[in-house]
Amino acid sequence: MTAPIHETVRAEDISLHRPFHAMNDRARSLVRLLASGGDARIALDRETGLNKYFSGPYPRDVLAYSSSTISDISTDAFAHCLAMQETIETQPYSISLDRLRARINGAIGVDEDTARIVFAPSGTDLEYVALAAVSAKGPNEKGGGGVHNILLGADETGSGCIHSAHGRFFAKETALGVATTPAHTVPGCVPVTLVDIPVRCSEGVARSSAVIVADMTAEIIAAQARGAHALVHCVHGSKTGLVLPALADLEALQSRFGDALTFVVDACQARITSRAIAAYLERGCIILMTGSKFMGAPPFNGWALIPAAMATQASPLPEGFAAIFRRAEWPEGWPGRDILMDSANPSLAIRLEAAMFEFERFQAIAMDRVAQIIDAFEAAVATHLIGPLAVRRVCPGGDAGQTGRPIEMRTLITLDMSDLPGLATFADAQVLHKALAMDGIRLGQPVKCVRFDGEWGGTLRVGISMPQVTRWASMADGDVMDELASDMERIAAGITAHLAKASQ
């Protein structure tokens, strides 16, 4: 990649890739804002106008079913952000974020007495928030201390989380522009040990909730033995739509171990209902969410919902957080908040604004209508993509399989492409994914969930987003089905054409 958008690169020097309409100076100014205020992953390539995920923070003339990886901003959200840009850039950062907190609470039906909200520039940064929330729980009468962080399926959540969940820097710079060394401990962070429990076996098949809970139990007991607090990760919507462990199994662990553990729910795909959020909060779980996948906002933005009682009992923030967070991103009254810089990141605020714009529109749609659209999506993928290509839908696995799944998980379909000539391996699928993206068809990145001749096989993911559901909700059923059929046929044709070209 060439130079990112920093102060040395003007927005007008970036060649935008397939912009949906002409970009005037005001629109380019917004593009610059949306592509700033994060770590290096947010930077746009000078020549392509895309980030490392082949996405751009402007409306693009592409066919996008890529919400499992990252989303492009919708035309409506871009227009909304244009209208809000001056306000967000001029009003105090704390006011922008407090208003966003109120809107998130309103959209999911909780209040400040139930949960406190911490904002972060990415889902990876949210792991620091979870550590901060439980850091006071480590020391105990046995003389032990620290946190034993039990990750779940790191390969299906995010590679950088291995570092941040360990209390370490994960990139060469933070969203504050502070240079850091990856894998070095964040100064003052609570001592952390870490283990990753896989959600899939060596052959790529999803493990059951019971098997995963058995592994979690062993790790919690080990943490107790050395006086560490167990921070146990759940996943509500992995890269392939897994929900693990089952809520009943989570409750059983809580009943057995009580205050010796805290659950943190990785819902960073944002494929989660308000009812599920409430159920987790009632059980004292931390919930991590981002707005740049199913929610449809541009990357990177996220927030953590922290049970209110846990927030008030937290230890003061470690001094190293001053290189990662700004003061307003943590709620008023959080211990040690004053060590953070009282500066502004309007780029994060406007990306969050885009996320809430889409979230509020989606929440206004009746669930019956959402279900109809999801039914149409699944039918179109089966009839016009899976059938013609003769590929297989990867069973999400777990205890529910493909039946009885939460409705929000049905918005994402993973396809096993490894039987197609030229797509046997994971690397083959990566090449195809990039080729399609540059040709105007954006799908979710390949994931390692199938085996082919002892290697990870080729996969692609097809996922819908909140902006798509919102638009389809206002259309006639027949028009929705026609559009979905046309889109899936175009994807199938694109895959076929690229494979034919590659074989020549």
Protein backbone atom coordinates (compact mmCIF):
# COMPACT_ATOMS: atom_id res chain seq x y z
CA MET A 1 0.00 0.00 0.00
CA THR A 2 1.15 3.54 -0.64
CA ALA A 3 0.87 6.57 1.62
CA PRO A 4 -2.23 6.63 3.88
CA ILE A 5 -4.42 9.67 4.31
CA HIS A 6 -2.51 11.66 6.90
CA GLU A 7 -1.67 15.33 6.99
CA THR A 8 0.85 14.87 4.17
CA VAL A 9 -1.73 13.52 1.70
CA ARG A 10 -4.59 15.66 0.47
CA ALA A 11 -7.99 14.07 -0.06
CA GLU A 12 -8.08 15.41 -3.63
CA ASP A 13 -4.92 13.41 -4.39
CA ILE A 14 -6.68 10.10 -3.73
CA SER A 15 -8.06 8.27 -6.78
CA LEU A 16 -11.45 7.04 -5.63
CA HIS A 17 -12.50 3.57 -6.84
CA ARG A 18 -15.92 3.36 -8.52
CA PRO A 19 -17.52 6.35 -6.73
CA PHE A 20 -21.29 6.27 -7.03
CA HIS A 21 -21.49 9.87 -8.16
CA ALA A 22 -19.18 12.81 -8.78
CA MET A 23 -17.26 13.82 -5.68
CA ASN A 24 -17.01 17.55 -5.12
CA ASP A 25 -14.64 19.21 -2.64
CA ARG A 26 -17.14 18.95 0.21
CA ALA A 27 -17.67 15.24 -0.37
CA ARG A 28 -13.93 14.63 -0.59
CA SER A 29 -13.49 16.45 2.69
CA LEU A 30 -15.90 13.99 4.27
CA VAL A 31 -14.04 11.05 2.71
CA ARG A 32 -10.84 12.35 4.30
CA LEU A 33 -12.56 12.64 7.68
CA LEU A 34 -14.08 9.15 7.47
CA ALA A 35 -10.68 7.67 6.56
CA SER A 36 -8.78 9.34 9.41
CA GLY A 37 -8.53 9.00 13.18
CA GLY A 38 -7.74 5.30 13.27
CA ASP A 39 -4.75 3.00 13.03
CA ALA A 40 -3.08 2.06 9.74
CA ARG A 41 -5.92 -0.29 8.74
CA ILE A 42 -8.16 2.68 7.99
CA ALA A 43 -5.77 4.30 5.53
CA LEU A 44 -6.70 4.57 1.86
CA ASP A 45 -4.29 3.69 -0.90
CA ARG A 46 -3.44 6.77 -2.94
CA GLU A 47 -3.93 4.96 -6.26
CA THR A 48 -6.95 2.76 -5.57
CA GLY A 49 -8.82 4.83 -2.98
CA LEU A 50 -9.42 1.65 -0.97
CA ASN A 51 -8.24 0.34 2.40
CA LYS A 52 -6.63 -3.06 2.95
CA TYR A 53 -10.09 -4.68 2.92
CA PHE A 54 -10.87 -3.26 -0.57
CA SER A 55 -13.42 -0.90 0.94
CA GLY A 56 -13.80 2.87 0.72
CA PRO A 57 -15.73 5.29 2.97
CA TYR A 58 -17.83 6.72 0.16
CA PRO A 59 -20.81 5.43 -1.85
CA ARG A 60 -19.47 3.12 -4.54
CA ASP A 61 -20.85 1.60 -7.71
CA VAL A 62 -20.27 -1.96 -6.56
CA LEU A 63 -22.35 -5.02 -5.78
CA ALA A 64 -21.68 -5.50 -2.08
CA TYR A 65 -22.59 -8.52 0.04
CA SER A 66 -19.53 -8.07 2.21
CA SER A 67 -20.93 -7.10 5.61
CA SER A 68 -19.17 -10.01 7.32
CA THR A 69 -15.82 -8.32 6.58
CA ILE A 70 -16.46 -4.61 6.23
CA SER A 71 -19.03 -2.31 4.66
CA ASP A 72 -19.02 0.66 2.31
CA ILE A 73 -21.14 3.56 3.48
CA SER A 74 -24.61 3.82 1.93
CA THR A 75 -25.68 6.81 -0.16
CA ASP A 76 -28.23 7.82 2.48
CA ALA A 77 -25.72 7.61 5.34
CA PHE A 78 -23.15 9.57 3.33
CA ALA A 79 -25.69 12.34 2.73
CA HIS A 80 -26.55 12.32 6.44
CA CYS A 81 -22.88 12.61 7.39
CA LEU A 82 -22.43 15.50 4.95
CA ALA A 83 -25.24 17.29 6.75
CA MET A 84 -23.72 16.50 10.16
CA GLN A 85 -20.04 17.07 9.38
CA GLU A 86 -19.80 20.72 10.42
CA THR A 87 -21.66 20.08 13.68
CA ILE A 88 -19.48 17.12 14.60
CA GLU A 89 -16.26 18.93 13.75
CA THR A 90 -17.16 22.05 15.75
CA GLN A 91 -19.11 20.89 18.81
CA PRO A 92 -17.25 19.49 21.84
CA TYR A 93 -16.28 15.84 21.39
CA SER A 94 -17.86 14.93 24.72
CA ILE A 95 -21.24 16.27 23.57
CA SER A 96 -21.06 14.25 20.34
CA LEU A 97 -20.29 11.04 22.20
CA ASP A 98 -22.83 11.60 24.99
CA ARG A 99 -25.53 12.09 22.38
CA LEU A 100 -24.43 8.89 20.67
CA ARG A 101 -24.58 7.07 24.00
CA ALA A 102 -28.16 8.20 24.47
CA ARG A 103 -29.07 7.06 20.96
CA ILE A 104 -27.50 3.63 21.41
CA ASN A 105 -29.37 3.20 24.68
CA GLY A 106 -32.58 4.26 23.01
CA ALA A 107 -32.10 1.95 20.04
CA ILE A 108 -31.49 -1.16 22.14
CA GLY A 109 -33.81 -0.24 25.01
CA VAL A 110 -31.37 0.12 27.91
CA ASP A 111 -30.37 3.07 30.09
CA GLU A 112 -27.33 4.37 31.94
CA ASP A 113 -28.43 2.59 35.10
CA THR A 114 -28.14 -0.70 33.21
CA ALA A 115 -24.98 -0.23 31.15
CA ARG A 116 -22.22 2.29 30.56
CA ILE A 117 -20.82 2.81 27.08
CA VAL A 118 -17.16 3.08 26.14
CA PHE A 119 -16.25 3.99 22.56
CA ALA A 120 -13.21 2.72 20.69
CA PRO A 121 -11.78 3.18 17.20
CA SER A 122 -12.04 -0.54 16.39
CA GLY A 123 -13.25 -3.88 17.68
CA THR A 124 -9.65 -4.82 18.41
CA ASP A 125 -9.33 -1.85 20.79
CA LEU A 126 -12.48 -2.95 22.60
CA GLU A 127 -10.54 -5.85 24.14
CA TYR A 128 -8.68 -3.27 26.24
CA VAL A 129 -12.03 -2.05 27.57
CA ALA A 130 -12.97 -5.54 28.75
CA LEU A 131 -9.65 -5.86 30.57
CA ALA A 132 -10.14 -2.49 32.25
CA ALA A 133 -13.64 -3.44 33.38
CA VAL A 134 -12.44 -6.51 35.30
CA SER A 135 -8.95 -5.44 36.38
CA ALA A 136 -10.11 -4.89 39.97
CA LYS A 137 -11.33 -8.49 40.21
CA GLY A 138 -7.91 -10.14 39.89
CA PRO A 139 -6.36 -9.68 43.38
CA ASN A 140 -7.87 -11.90 46.03
CA GLU A 141 -7.25 -13.40 49.43
CA LYS A 142 -4.96 -16.07 47.95
CA GLY A 143 -2.43 -13.42 47.06
CA GLY A 144 -2.88 -13.98 43.34
CA GLY A 145 -3.87 -11.46 40.79
CA GLY A 146 -4.27 -10.57 37.18
CA VAL A 147 -6.68 -11.74 34.55
CA HIS A 148 -6.81 -15.05 32.73
CA ASN A 149 -8.34 -14.13 29.38
CA ILE A 150 -10.11 -17.08 27.77
CA LEU A 151 -10.64 -16.23 24.12
CA LEU A 152 -13.02 -18.19 21.93
CA GLY A 153 -12.21 -18.77 18.28
CA ALA A 154 -9.75 -15.94 17.75
CA ASP A 155 -9.43 -16.99 14.10
CA GLU A 156 -13.17 -16.35 13.70
CA THR A 157 -13.20 -12.99 15.48
CA GLY A 158 -10.05 -11.04 14.65
CA SER A 159 -6.34 -11.73 14.53
CA GLY A 160 -5.27 -8.50 16.26
CA CYS A 161 -7.36 -9.42 19.30
CA ILE A 162 -4.71 -11.94 20.32
CA HIS A 163 -2.50 -8.96 21.24
CA SER A 164 -5.06 -6.52 22.66
CA ALA A 165 -6.75 -9.23 24.74
CA HIS A 166 -3.30 -9.93 26.18
CA GLY A 167 -2.96 -6.29 27.24
CA ARG A 168 -0.47 -5.60 24.48
CA PHE A 169 -0.26 -3.17 21.58
CA PHE A 170 -1.42 -4.76 18.33
CA ALA A 171 -0.16 -2.27 15.71
CA LYS A 172 2.67 0.14 15.01
CA GLU A 173 0.48 3.10 15.85
CA THR A 174 -2.74 3.83 17.72
CA ALA A 175 -5.72 5.92 16.69
CA LEU A 176 -4.09 8.83 18.53
CA GLY A 177 -1.14 8.60 16.14
CA VAL A 178 1.16 7.37 18.90
CA ALA A 179 3.92 5.05 17.67
CA THR A 180 3.84 1.69 19.47
CA THR A 181 5.53 -1.69 19.20
CA PRO A 182 3.23 -4.63 18.46
CA ALA A 183 3.21 -7.31 21.17
CA HIS A 184 4.67 -4.94 23.80
CA THR A 185 2.66 -4.68 27.01
CA VAL A 186 0.51 -1.59 27.48
CA PRO A 187 2.12 0.25 30.44
CA GLY A 188 0.22 -0.24 33.68
CA CYS A 189 -2.09 -2.90 32.26
CA VAL A 190 -3.16 -5.64 34.65
CA PRO A 191 -1.07 -8.85 34.24
CA VAL A 192 -2.80 -11.06 31.68
CA THR A 193 -2.45 -14.69 30.75
CA LEU A 194 -4.27 -15.82 27.65
CA VAL A 195 -5.57 -18.97 26.04
CA ASP A 196 -7.58 -19.39 22.84
CA ILE A 197 -10.24 -22.09 22.76
CA PRO A 198 -11.03 -23.04 19.13
CA VAL A 199 -14.63 -23.00 17.91
CA ARG A 200 -13.80 -25.51 15.18
CA CYS A 201 -11.90 -28.79 15.21
CA SER A 202 -8.83 -29.43 13.07
CA GLU A 203 -11.10 -30.45 10.19
CA GLY A 204 -13.05 -27.20 10.32
CA VAL A 205 -16.24 -28.58 11.90
CA ALA A 206 -17.82 -26.41 14.58
CA ARG A 207 -17.44 -27.80 18.09
CA SER A 208 -20.49 -28.16 20.30
CA SER A 209 -21.29 -25.84 23.18
CA ALA A 210 -20.81 -28.71 25.64
CA VAL A 211 -17.28 -29.45 24.39
CA ILE A 212 -16.32 -25.77 24.44
CA VAL A 213 -17.72 -25.31 27.95
CA ALA A 214 -15.66 -28.29 29.15
CA ASP A 215 -12.52 -26.52 27.92
CA MET A 216 -13.65 -23.26 29.52
CA THR A 217 -14.27 -25.03 32.83
CA ALA A 218 -10.74 -26.39 32.91
CA GLU A 219 -9.30 -22.92 32.25
CA ILE A 220 -11.48 -21.26 34.90
CA ILE A 221 -10.36 -23.82 37.48
CA ALA A 222 -6.73 -23.20 36.50
CA ALA A 223 -7.25 -19.44 36.90
CA GLN A 224 -8.77 -19.93 40.34
CA ALA A 225 -5.80 -22.02 41.42
CA ARG A 226 -3.41 -19.14 40.81
CA GLY A 227 -5.74 -16.39 42.04
CA ALA A 228 -6.51 -14.85 38.66
CA HIS A 229 -9.91 -13.65 37.49
CA ALA A 230 -11.30 -15.51 34.47
CA LEU A 231 -12.49 -13.28 31.65
CA VAL A 232 -14.40 -15.70 29.45
CA HIS A 233 -15.28 -14.83 25.87
CA CYS A 234 -18.51 -15.81 24.19
CA VAL A 235 -19.18 -15.19 20.52
CA HIS A 236 -22.53 -13.99 19.21
CA GLY A 237 -21.95 -13.98 15.48
CA SER A 238 -18.49 -15.17 14.47
CA LYS A 239 -17.11 -14.76 10.95
CA THR A 240 -19.30 -17.71 9.95
CA GLY A 241 -22.28 -16.91 12.17
CA LEU A 242 -21.58 -19.09 15.19
CA VAL A 243 -23.20 -18.37 18.59
CA LEU A 244 -21.26 -20.09 21.37
CA PRO A 245 -21.60 -21.15 24.11
CA ALA A 246 -25.33 -21.63 24.48
CA LEU A 247 -26.99 -19.26 26.94
CA ALA A 248 -27.98 -22.16 29.21
CA ASP A 249 -24.34 -23.30 29.36
CA LEU A 250 -23.23 -19.75 30.14
CA GLU A 251 -25.70 -19.65 33.03
CA ALA A 252 -24.44 -23.00 34.32
CA LEU A 253 -20.86 -21.70 34.41
CA GLN A 254 -22.01 -18.58 36.25
CA SER A 255 -23.92 -20.68 38.76
CA ARG A 256 -20.88 -22.85 39.42
CA PHE A 257 -18.13 -20.22 39.56
CA GLY A 258 -19.96 -17.02 40.55
CA ASP A 259 -17.74 -13.97 40.89
CA ALA A 260 -14.66 -15.91 39.81
CA LEU A 261 -15.51 -15.22 36.19
CA THR A 262 -16.86 -12.50 33.93
CA PHE A 263 -18.25 -13.08 30.47
CA VAL A 264 -17.48 -10.79 27.56
CA VAL A 265 -19.67 -11.27 24.48
CA ASP A 266 -18.01 -10.63 21.13
CA ALA A 267 -20.90 -9.27 19.06
CA CYS A 268 -18.65 -7.19 16.83
CA GLN A 269 -20.47 -8.37 13.72
CA ALA A 270 -23.52 -6.55 15.22
CA ARG A 271 -25.70 -9.51 14.19
CA ILE A 272 -27.52 -9.40 17.51
CA THR A 273 -31.03 -8.44 18.55
CA SER A 274 -32.01 -6.08 21.34
CA ARG A 275 -33.54 -9.04 23.15
CA ALA A 276 -30.22 -10.91 23.08
CA ILE A 277 -28.36 -7.80 24.27
CA ALA A 278 -30.76 -7.47 27.21
CA ALA A 279 -30.36 -11.16 28.07
CA TYR A 280 -26.57 -10.86 28.22
CA LEU A 281 -26.65 -7.63 30.26
CA GLU A 282 -29.07 -9.19 32.75
CA ARG A 283 -26.42 -11.85 33.35
CA GLY A 284 -23.69 -9.28 33.95
CA CYS A 285 -21.92 -9.76 30.62
CA ILE A 286 -19.78 -7.18 28.84
CA ILE A 287 -20.85 -6.78 25.19
CA LEU A 288 -18.56 -5.61 22.38
CA MET A 289 -20.08 -4.23 19.17
CA THR A 290 -18.91 -2.47 16.01
CA GLY A 291 -20.82 -0.48 13.42
CA SER A 292 -18.85 -1.33 10.29
CA LYS A 293 -20.08 -4.83 9.46
CA PHE A 294 -23.79 -5.75 9.55
CA MET A 295 -24.64 -2.23 10.69
CA GLY A 296 -23.19 -0.85 7.46
CA ALA A 297 -21.11 2.14 8.61
CA PRO A 298 -17.58 2.72 7.31
CA PRO A 299 -14.69 1.26 9.32
CA PHE A 300 -13.52 1.61 12.07
CA ASN A 301 -15.82 2.26 15.06
CA GLY A 302 -17.05 0.35 18.06
CA TRP A 303 -18.41 0.46 21.57
CA ALA A 304 -18.59 -1.70 24.67
CA LEU A 305 -21.63 -2.05 26.89
CA ILE A 306 -20.43 -2.48 30.48
CA PRO A 307 -22.86 -3.45 33.26
CA ALA A 308 -23.20 -0.30 35.36
CA ALA A 309 -22.18 -1.93 38.66
CA MET A 310 -19.02 -3.28 37.08
CA ALA A 311 -18.08 0.14 35.72
CA THR A 312 -18.35 1.84 39.11
CA GLN A 313 -16.18 -0.85 40.75
CA ALA A 314 -13.40 -0.83 38.14
CA SER A 315 -9.79 -0.03 38.92
CA PRO A 316 -8.31 3.23 37.60
CA LEU A 317 -7.32 3.09 33.95
CA PRO A 318 -3.67 2.14 33.31
CA GLU A 319 -1.38 4.94 32.17
CA GLY A 320 -0.76 3.22 28.84
CA PHE A 321 -4.38 3.83 27.84
CA ALA A 322 -3.42 7.47 27.30
CA ALA A 323 -1.80 6.32 24.05
CA ILE A 324 -4.98 4.53 22.92
CA PHE A 325 -8.08 6.42 24.09
CA ARG A 326 -9.36 9.96 24.52
CA ARG A 327 -11.12 11.08 27.68
CA ALA A 328 -14.62 11.54 26.26
CA GLU A 329 -14.61 7.98 24.92
CA TRP A 330 -14.98 6.75 28.50
CA PRO A 331 -18.13 7.68 30.45
CA GLU A 332 -18.06 10.35 33.11
CA GLY A 333 -17.02 8.95 36.47
CA TRP A 334 -14.93 6.03 35.24
CA PRO A 335 -11.97 5.68 37.65
CA GLY A 336 -8.75 7.13 36.22
CA ARG A 337 -10.49 8.69 33.22
CA ASP A 338 -8.67 11.98 33.78
CA ILE A 339 -5.30 10.53 32.73
CA LEU A 340 -6.60 10.43 29.14
CA MET A 341 -6.03 13.29 26.74
CA ASP A 342 -8.94 15.72 26.59
CA SER A 343 -8.79 15.92 22.80
CA ALA A 344 -11.21 15.15 19.98
CA ASN A 345 -11.48 12.54 17.25
CA PRO A 346 -14.29 13.84 15.02
CA SER A 347 -13.44 11.09 12.53
CA LEU A 348 -14.56 8.43 15.02
CA ALA A 349 -17.60 10.49 15.99
CA ILE A 350 -18.83 10.78 12.41
CA ARG A 351 -18.30 7.08 11.71
CA LEU A 352 -20.34 6.35 14.82
CA GLU A 353 -22.93 8.82 13.55
CA ALA A 354 -23.20 6.80 10.33
CA ALA A 355 -23.59 3.61 12.36
CA MET A 356 -26.39 5.03 14.47
CA PHE A 357 -28.13 6.44 11.39
CA GLU A 358 -28.32 2.91 9.98
CA PHE A 359 -29.08 1.25 13.32
CA GLU A 360 -32.03 3.50 14.09
CA ARG A 361 -33.50 3.03 10.61
CA PHE A 362 -33.17 -0.73 10.90
CA GLN A 363 -34.68 -0.85 14.39
CA ALA A 364 -37.78 0.92 13.07
CA ILE A 365 -38.58 -2.02 10.75
CA ALA A 366 -41.03 -4.62 12.04
CA MET A 367 -39.31 -7.93 12.77
CA ASP A 368 -41.82 -9.79 10.61
CA ARG A 369 -40.72 -7.71 7.62
CA VAL A 370 -37.05 -8.34 8.42
CA ALA A 371 -37.77 -12.07 8.54
CA GLN A 372 -39.44 -11.94 5.12
CA ILE A 373 -36.38 -10.28 3.63
CA ILE A 374 -34.02 -12.79 5.20
CA ASP A 375 -36.14 -15.63 3.81
CA ALA A 376 -35.88 -14.08 0.35
CA PHE A 377 -32.10 -13.68 0.73
CA GLU A 378 -31.56 -17.31 1.69
CA ALA A 379 -33.79 -18.50 -1.14
CA ALA A 380 -31.96 -16.37 -3.71
CA VAL A 381 -28.54 -17.62 -2.60
CA ALA A 382 -29.72 -21.23 -2.78
CA THR A 383 -31.44 -20.91 -6.16
CA HIS A 384 -29.24 -18.49 -8.07
CA LEU A 385 -25.77 -18.98 -6.55
CA ILE A 386 -25.36 -22.31 -4.78
CA GLY A 387 -27.38 -24.24 -7.37
CA PRO A 388 -25.78 -22.94 -10.58
CA LEU A 389 -22.23 -23.16 -9.21
CA ALA A 390 -22.83 -26.54 -7.54
CA VAL A 391 -21.13 -25.36 -4.34
CA ARG A 392 -22.02 -26.18 -0.74
CA ARG A 393 -23.32 -24.03 2.06
CA VAL A 394 -21.11 -24.48 5.10
CA CYS A 395 -23.22 -25.63 8.01
CA PRO A 396 -22.77 -23.03 10.77
CA GLY A 397 -22.49 -25.97 13.14
CA GLY A 398 -22.78 -25.81 16.88
CA ASP A 399 -25.79 -27.42 18.49
CA ALA A 400 -28.38 -25.81 16.23
CA GLY A 401 -26.85 -26.52 12.83
CA GLN A 402 -28.72 -24.71 10.08
CA THR A 403 -32.10 -25.02 11.79
CA GLY A 404 -33.25 -23.19 14.87
CA ARG A 405 -30.64 -20.48 14.41
CA PRO A 406 -31.18 -16.93 15.69
CA ILE A 407 -32.67 -14.90 12.88
CA GLU A 408 -29.77 -12.44 12.88
CA MET A 409 -27.33 -15.26 12.03
CA ARG A 410 -29.29 -16.07 8.88
CA THR A 411 -28.09 -12.80 7.36
CA LEU A 412 -24.72 -14.45 6.62
CA ILE A 413 -23.99 -17.50 4.45
CA THR A 414 -20.58 -19.13 4.08
CA LEU A 415 -19.93 -21.04 0.86
CA ASP A 416 -17.52 -23.94 0.39
CA MET A 417 -15.98 -23.27 -3.03
CA SER A 418 -13.23 -25.90 -2.82
CA ASP A 419 -14.80 -28.32 -5.32
CA LEU A 420 -14.58 -25.74 -8.10
CA PRO A 421 -11.52 -25.94 -10.38
CA GLY A 422 -8.99 -23.36 -9.24
CA LEU A 423 -10.58 -22.79 -5.82
CA ALA A 424 -9.31 -25.79 -3.89
CA THR A 425 -7.30 -23.79 -1.36
CA PHE A 426 -7.79 -20.87 0.98
CA ALA A 427 -5.12 -18.95 -0.98
CA ASP A 428 -7.05 -19.55 -4.23
CA ALA A 429 -10.16 -18.05 -2.64
CA GLN A 430 -8.18 -15.01 -1.46
CA VAL A 431 -7.05 -14.35 -5.04
CA LEU A 432 -10.61 -14.65 -6.29
CA HIS A 433 -11.94 -12.41 -3.51
CA LYS A 434 -9.55 -9.61 -4.46
CA ALA A 435 -10.20 -10.00 -8.19
CA LEU A 436 -13.96 -9.78 -7.65
CA ALA A 437 -13.58 -6.75 -5.38
CA MET A 438 -11.53 -4.83 -7.94
CA ASP A 439 -14.13 -5.76 -10.57
CA GLY A 440 -17.01 -4.34 -8.54
CA ILE A 441 -18.26 -7.40 -6.62
CA ARG A 442 -17.51 -7.29 -2.90
CA LEU A 443 -18.06 -10.45 -0.84
CA GLY A 444 -16.90 -11.45 2.62
CA GLN A 445 -13.30 -12.59 2.92
CA PRO A 446 -12.49 -16.31 2.88
CA VAL A 447 -12.42 -18.03 6.27
CA LYS A 448 -10.72 -21.24 7.37
CA CYS A 449 -13.65 -23.54 8.03
CA VAL A 450 -13.40 -26.36 5.45
CA ARG A 451 -10.67 -28.85 4.62
CA PHE A 452 -9.66 -30.01 1.13
CA ASP A 453 -6.93 -32.66 0.76
CA GLY A 454 -5.49 -31.76 4.16
CA GLU A 455 -5.37 -28.02 3.46
CA TRP A 456 -7.76 -25.21 4.30
CA GLY A 457 -10.20 -25.08 1.40
CA GLY A 458 -11.54 -22.13 -0.54
CA THR A 459 -14.53 -20.30 0.92
CA LEU A 460 -16.39 -17.04 0.35
CA ARG A 461 -19.11 -15.37 2.40
CA VAL A 462 -22.30 -13.68 1.27
CA GLY A 463 -23.91 -11.39 3.83
CA ILE A 464 -26.54 -8.68 3.82
CA SER A 465 -26.41 -5.46 5.84
CA MET A 466 -28.78 -3.15 7.68
CA PRO A 467 -28.79 -0.56 4.86
CA GLN A 468 -29.81 -3.25 2.37
CA VAL A 469 -32.58 -4.55 4.62
CA THR A 470 -33.83 -1.00 5.18
CA ARG A 471 -34.03 -0.32 1.45
CA TRP A 472 -35.68 -3.65 0.64
CA ALA A 473 -38.22 -3.18 3.44
CA SER A 474 -39.83 -0.34 1.48
CA MET A 475 -40.01 -2.33 -1.77
CA ALA A 476 -42.66 -4.75 -3.02
CA ASP A 477 -41.91 -8.40 -2.32
CA GLY A 478 -41.61 -9.24 -6.00
CA ASP A 479 -39.12 -6.44 -6.59
CA VAL A 480 -37.00 -7.60 -3.64
CA MET A 481 -36.90 -11.15 -4.95
CA ASP A 482 -36.07 -9.97 -8.48
CA GLU A 483 -33.19 -7.82 -7.25
CA LEU A 484 -31.78 -10.58 -5.06
CA ALA A 485 -32.02 -13.06 -7.92
CA SER A 486 -30.24 -10.66 -10.27
CA ASP A 487 -27.52 -9.97 -7.72
CA MET A 488 -26.82 -13.65 -7.04
CA GLU A 489 -26.75 -14.40 -10.77
CA ARG A 490 -24.23 -11.59 -11.24
CA ILE A 491 -22.04 -12.98 -8.45
CA ALA A 492 -22.20 -16.47 -9.96
CA ALA A 493 -21.31 -15.09 -13.39
CA GLY A 494 -18.43 -13.07 -11.92
CA ILE A 495 -16.98 -16.13 -10.19
CA THR A 496 -17.33 -18.23 -13.34
CA ALA A 497 -15.71 -15.57 -15.52
CA HIS A 498 -12.73 -15.12 -13.20
CA LEU A 499 -12.16 -18.85 -12.92
CA ALA A 500 -12.30 -19.20 -16.71
CA LYS A 501 -9.82 -16.37 -17.11
CA ALA A 502 -7.48 -17.87 -14.52
CA SER A 503 -7.49 -21.25 -16.28
CA GLN A 504 -6.34 -19.79 -19.61
